[in-house]
N, C-alpha and C. Protein backbone atom coordinates (compact mmCIF):
# COMPACT_ATOMS: atom_id res chain seq x y z
N MET A 1 4.08 -8.29 -22.25
CA MET A 1 4.45 -7.93 -20.59
C MET A 1 5.95 -8.19 -20.46
N GLY A 2 6.65 -6.98 -20.15
CA GLY A 2 7.91 -6.86 -19.97
C GLY A 2 8.28 -7.85 -17.80
N ILE A 3 9.24 -8.36 -18.11
CA ILE A 3 9.49 -8.69 -16.66
C ILE A 3 10.13 -8.20 -15.95
N MET A 4 9.63 -8.18 -14.58
CA MET A 4 9.48 -6.87 -13.33
C MET A 4 10.75 -7.71 -12.65
N ALA A 5 12.26 -6.32 -12.51
CA ALA A 5 12.99 -7.19 -11.99
C ALA A 5 12.77 -7.12 -10.04
N PHE A 6 12.82 -7.83 -9.25
CA PHE A 6 13.19 -8.40 -7.99
C PHE A 6 14.12 -7.11 -7.21
N THR A 7 13.48 -5.93 -6.30
CA THR A 7 14.11 -5.46 -5.72
C THR A 7 14.51 -5.64 -4.17
N MET A 8 15.34 -6.01 -3.36
CA MET A 8 15.58 -6.53 -1.70
C MET A 8 15.05 -4.54 -1.62
N GLN A 9 13.51 -4.35 -0.36
CA GLN A 9 13.45 -3.52 -0.05
C GLN A 9 13.94 -3.55 1.63
N PRO A 10 14.86 -2.81 1.76
CA PRO A 10 15.11 -2.48 3.62
C PRO A 10 14.59 -2.25 4.33
N ARG A 11 14.48 -3.64 5.30
CA ARG A 11 13.46 -3.46 6.73
C ARG A 11 14.03 -3.25 7.60
N GLN A 12 13.42 -2.83 8.96
CA GLN A 12 13.58 -2.90 10.07
C GLN A 12 12.88 -3.29 11.31
N SER A 13 12.83 -3.79 12.25
CA SER A 13 12.02 -3.85 13.11
C SER A 13 11.66 -2.93 14.04
N LEU A 14 10.40 -2.75 14.69
CA LEU A 14 10.06 -1.56 15.65
C LEU A 14 9.01 -3.04 16.56
N ILE A 15 9.93 -2.42 17.70
CA ILE A 15 9.65 -2.65 19.03
C ILE A 15 8.17 -2.04 20.00
N VAL A 16 7.59 -2.91 19.49
CA VAL A 16 6.11 -1.59 20.12
C VAL A 16 5.44 -2.43 21.28
N TYR A 17 5.89 -1.91 22.39
CA TYR A 17 5.12 -2.00 23.84
C TYR A 17 3.82 -1.69 23.98
N THR A 18 3.16 -2.58 24.47
CA THR A 18 1.94 -2.31 24.97
C THR A 18 0.86 -2.06 25.97
N TYR A 19 -0.20 -1.25 26.68
CA TYR A 19 -0.92 -1.78 27.71
C TYR A 19 -1.28 -3.20 28.03
N SER A 20 -2.04 -3.54 26.70
CA SER A 20 -2.73 -4.58 26.23
C SER A 20 -2.68 -5.41 25.03
N LEU A 21 -2.29 -6.72 24.96
CA LEU A 21 -2.49 -6.96 23.40
C LEU A 21 -3.70 -7.27 23.34
N LYS A 22 -5.20 -7.03 23.48
CA LYS A 22 -6.45 -7.35 22.51
C LYS A 22 -6.21 -6.68 21.35
N GLN A 23 -5.42 -5.49 21.03
CA GLN A 23 -5.66 -4.31 20.10
C GLN A 23 -4.03 -4.85 18.81
N THR A 24 -3.67 -5.82 19.24
CA THR A 24 -2.47 -6.47 18.61
C THR A 24 -2.89 -6.72 16.89
N ARG A 25 -4.10 -6.95 16.44
CA ARG A 25 -3.98 -6.83 15.57
C ARG A 25 -4.36 -5.51 14.89
N GLN A 26 -4.81 -4.94 15.23
CA GLN A 26 -4.91 -3.45 14.90
C GLN A 26 -3.11 -2.87 14.07
N LEU A 27 -2.06 -3.96 14.81
CA LEU A 27 -0.53 -3.57 13.97
C LEU A 27 -0.45 -3.94 13.02
N LYS A 28 -1.09 -5.36 12.04
CA LYS A 28 -1.26 -5.66 10.93
C LYS A 28 -1.25 -4.31 10.07
N ARG A 29 -1.94 -3.44 10.27
CA ARG A 29 -2.15 -2.26 9.12
C ARG A 29 -0.86 -1.63 9.53
N TYR A 30 0.18 -1.78 10.09
CA TYR A 30 1.14 -1.11 9.82
C TYR A 30 2.40 -1.72 9.76
N GLY A 31 2.83 -2.41 9.40
CA GLY A 31 3.86 -3.67 9.13
C GLY A 31 3.23 -4.93 9.28
N THR A 32 4.48 -5.93 9.13
CA THR A 32 4.43 -7.38 9.21
C THR A 32 4.70 -7.91 10.85
N VAL A 33 3.80 -8.17 11.91
CA VAL A 33 3.13 -8.67 12.77
C VAL A 33 4.37 -10.15 12.90
N MET A 34 5.46 -9.83 13.72
CA MET A 34 6.72 -11.21 13.46
C MET A 34 6.35 -11.82 15.09
N TYR A 35 6.15 -10.74 16.05
CA TYR A 35 6.54 -12.18 17.37
C TYR A 35 5.54 -11.11 18.54
N VAL A 36 4.95 -11.79 19.13
CA VAL A 36 3.85 -11.13 20.11
C VAL A 36 4.79 -11.96 21.63
N SER A 37 4.96 -11.08 22.37
CA SER A 37 5.47 -11.45 23.60
C SER A 37 4.09 -11.34 24.64
N LYS A 38 3.67 -12.45 25.11
CA LYS A 38 2.54 -12.12 26.13
C LYS A 38 2.86 -11.74 27.40
N LYS A 39 4.03 -12.40 27.92
CA LYS A 39 4.64 -11.78 29.13
C LYS A 39 4.81 -10.63 29.25
N MET A 40 5.68 -10.29 28.05
CA MET A 40 5.85 -8.71 28.30
C MET A 40 5.48 -8.03 28.32
N ARG A 41 4.24 -8.22 27.43
CA ARG A 41 3.54 -7.42 26.30
C ARG A 41 4.44 -6.00 24.92
N TYR A 42 4.36 -7.07 24.51
CA TYR A 42 5.04 -6.37 23.20
C TYR A 42 5.33 -6.98 21.82
N VAL A 43 5.00 -6.25 20.65
CA VAL A 43 4.94 -6.76 19.54
C VAL A 43 6.59 -6.56 18.61
N VAL A 44 6.63 -7.32 17.97
CA VAL A 44 8.22 -7.01 17.01
C VAL A 44 7.64 -7.14 15.21
N LEU A 45 7.40 -5.49 14.95
CA LEU A 45 6.46 -5.32 14.05
C LEU A 45 7.67 -5.13 12.78
N TYR A 46 8.44 -5.48 11.54
CA TYR A 46 8.78 -5.60 10.65
C TYR A 46 7.97 -4.26 9.33
N VAL A 47 8.68 -3.11 9.30
CA VAL A 47 8.28 -1.84 8.45
C VAL A 47 9.75 -2.03 7.47
N ASN A 48 8.82 -1.39 5.98
CA ASN A 48 10.45 -0.35 5.61
C ASN A 48 10.78 0.06 6.40
N ARG A 49 12.73 0.19 5.93
CA ARG A 49 13.25 1.68 6.79
C ARG A 49 13.15 3.11 6.05
N GLU A 50 12.72 2.91 5.30
CA GLU A 50 12.35 4.69 5.24
C GLU A 50 11.06 4.96 5.63
N ASP A 51 10.10 4.41 6.30
CA ASP A 51 8.84 4.33 6.80
C ASP A 51 9.18 4.60 8.78
N VAL A 52 9.92 4.23 8.92
CA VAL A 52 10.26 4.00 10.36
C VAL A 52 9.65 5.60 11.00
N GLU A 53 10.25 5.91 10.58
CA GLU A 53 9.85 7.71 11.42
C GLU A 53 8.78 7.63 11.51
N LYS A 54 7.93 7.63 10.57
CA LYS A 54 6.63 8.53 9.81
C LYS A 54 5.71 6.65 11.09
N LEU A 55 6.23 5.78 10.64
CA LEU A 55 5.34 4.87 11.66
C LEU A 55 6.00 4.93 12.93
N THR A 56 6.82 5.22 13.64
CA THR A 56 6.90 5.24 14.75
C THR A 56 6.10 6.54 15.24
N ALA A 57 6.24 7.75 14.64
CA ALA A 57 5.40 8.76 15.34
C ALA A 57 3.60 8.70 15.22
N GLN A 58 3.36 7.84 13.78
CA GLN A 58 1.89 7.16 14.10
C GLN A 58 1.38 5.97 15.34
N LEU A 59 2.47 5.76 15.75
CA LEU A 59 2.41 4.16 16.92
C LEU A 59 2.22 5.28 18.47
N LYS A 60 2.90 5.67 18.17
CA LYS A 60 2.92 6.24 19.16
C LYS A 60 1.47 7.34 19.96
N GLN A 61 0.86 7.52 18.90
CA GLN A 61 -0.31 8.01 18.99
C GLN A 61 -1.47 7.40 19.36
N LEU A 62 -1.35 6.17 19.18
CA LEU A 62 -2.93 5.22 19.55
C LEU A 62 -2.75 4.95 20.64
N ARG A 63 -3.87 4.64 21.44
CA ARG A 63 -3.97 4.45 22.65
C ARG A 63 -3.15 3.33 23.43
N PHE A 64 -3.25 2.25 22.84
CA PHE A 64 -3.20 1.32 23.25
C PHE A 64 -1.57 0.89 23.53
N VAL A 65 -0.27 1.93 22.88
CA VAL A 65 0.88 2.04 22.93
C VAL A 65 1.43 2.59 23.86
N LYS A 66 2.05 1.94 24.44
CA LYS A 66 2.89 2.56 26.22
C LYS A 66 4.42 3.53 25.00
N ARG A 67 4.87 2.31 24.38
CA ARG A 67 6.59 3.11 23.71
C ARG A 67 6.65 2.09 22.75
N VAL A 68 7.40 2.92 21.45
CA VAL A 68 8.11 2.53 20.20
C VAL A 68 9.76 2.33 20.36
N VAL A 69 10.29 1.19 19.99
CA VAL A 69 11.40 1.43 19.81
C VAL A 69 11.77 0.78 18.73
N PRO A 70 13.38 1.35 17.93
CA PRO A 70 13.39 1.25 17.11
C PRO A 70 14.62 -0.21 17.19
N SER A 71 14.65 -1.02 16.31
CA SER A 71 15.71 -1.77 16.40
C SER A 71 17.32 -1.04 15.77
N ASN A 72 18.13 -1.86 16.61
CA ASN A 72 19.63 -1.24 16.76
C ASN A 72 19.87 -1.90 15.33
N ARG A 73 20.11 -3.15 15.00
CA ARG A 73 20.25 -3.78 14.22
C ARG A 73 21.07 -3.02 12.37
N PRO A 74 20.29 -2.47 12.10
CA PRO A 74 20.94 -1.90 11.12
C PRO A 74 22.29 -1.22 11.04
N GLN A 75 22.38 -0.63 12.37
CA GLN A 75 23.56 0.31 12.86
C GLN A 75 24.64 -0.48 13.65
N ILE A 76 24.64 -1.65 13.38
CA ILE A 76 25.32 -2.68 13.94
C ILE A 76 26.39 -3.28 13.09
N SER A 77 27.52 -3.38 13.12
CA SER A 77 28.13 -4.27 12.03
C SER A 77 28.32 -5.87 12.35
N GLU A 78 28.17 -6.17 11.27
CA GLU A 78 27.87 -7.65 11.45
C GLU A 78 29.52 -8.62 11.07
N THR A 79 30.28 -7.64 11.25
CA THR A 79 31.63 -8.41 10.81
C THR A 79 32.21 -9.49 12.45
N PHE A 80 31.76 -8.88 13.37
CA PHE A 80 31.82 -9.69 14.50
C PHE A 80 33.87 -9.39 14.97
N ASN A 81 34.48 -7.85 14.40
CA ASN A 81 35.46 -8.37 14.86
C ASN A 81 36.72 -9.10 14.05
N GLY A 82 36.32 -8.95 12.54
CA GLY A 82 37.35 -9.99 11.92
C GLY A 82 37.32 -11.41 12.16
N VAL A 83 35.79 -11.83 13.15
CA VAL A 83 35.65 -13.45 13.12
C VAL A 83 35.55 -14.10 11.89
N SER A 84 34.63 -13.92 11.01
CA SER A 84 34.25 -13.90 9.87
C SER A 84 35.64 -14.19 8.54
N ASP A 85 36.62 -13.26 8.77
CA ASP A 85 37.84 -13.32 8.01
C ASP A 85 38.44 -14.50 8.29
N LYS A 86 38.82 -14.81 9.95
CA LYS A 86 39.71 -15.92 10.39
C LYS A 86 38.90 -17.36 10.12
N LEU A 87 37.87 -17.36 10.23
CA LEU A 87 37.07 -18.41 9.74
C LEU A 87 37.33 -18.79 8.39
N SER A 88 37.36 -17.81 7.58
CA SER A 88 37.06 -17.97 6.09
C SER A 88 39.01 -18.47 5.41
N GLU A 89 39.70 -18.08 6.66
CA GLU A 89 41.31 -18.14 6.79
C GLU A 89 41.44 -19.57 6.82
N THR A 90 41.06 -20.10 7.74
CA THR A 90 41.18 -21.79 8.97
C THR A 90 40.50 -22.36 7.29
N ASP A 91 39.41 -22.08 6.55
CA ASP A 91 38.84 -22.99 5.65
C ASP A 91 39.65 -23.44 4.72
N GLU A 92 40.29 -22.13 3.97
CA GLU A 92 41.40 -22.38 3.20
C GLU A 92 42.61 -23.01 3.13
N ALA A 93 42.73 -23.27 4.67
CA ALA A 93 43.82 -23.72 4.83
C ALA A 93 43.45 -25.32 4.84
N LYS A 94 42.20 -25.40 5.22
CA LYS A 94 42.03 -27.06 5.39
C LYS A 94 41.78 -27.39 3.79
N ASP A 95 41.45 -26.65 2.75
CA ASP A 95 41.46 -27.27 1.86
C ASP A 95 42.57 -27.43 0.82
N ASP A 96 43.76 -26.41 1.43
CA ASP A 96 45.04 -26.43 0.86
C ASP A 96 45.44 -28.06 1.39
N GLU A 97 45.45 -28.35 2.41
CA GLU A 97 45.92 -29.60 3.10
C GLU A 97 45.35 -31.20 2.11
N ALA A 98 43.87 -30.70 1.94
CA ALA A 98 43.34 -32.18 1.39
C ALA A 98 43.54 -32.01 0.07
């Protein structure tokens, strides 16, 4: 048998607002349930990024689902306007002093 290489699967979260949390277990079919808010009645569901549109349409068809909102995290830049660059520069300066 050959060795299988592990490849990272890009994932994205969907926020699924429900009328009732009784059917939350049904959402496990569609992805990984990461968080359930009992007060606000929503579920954070992790799915493969390539399946987001298809699963959003399927989830909206369910009777107990109010609305589905995809997470905006993939579109957000995580550089924070060069803050990480400045932090690495200060770390380098500290290393030079030592």
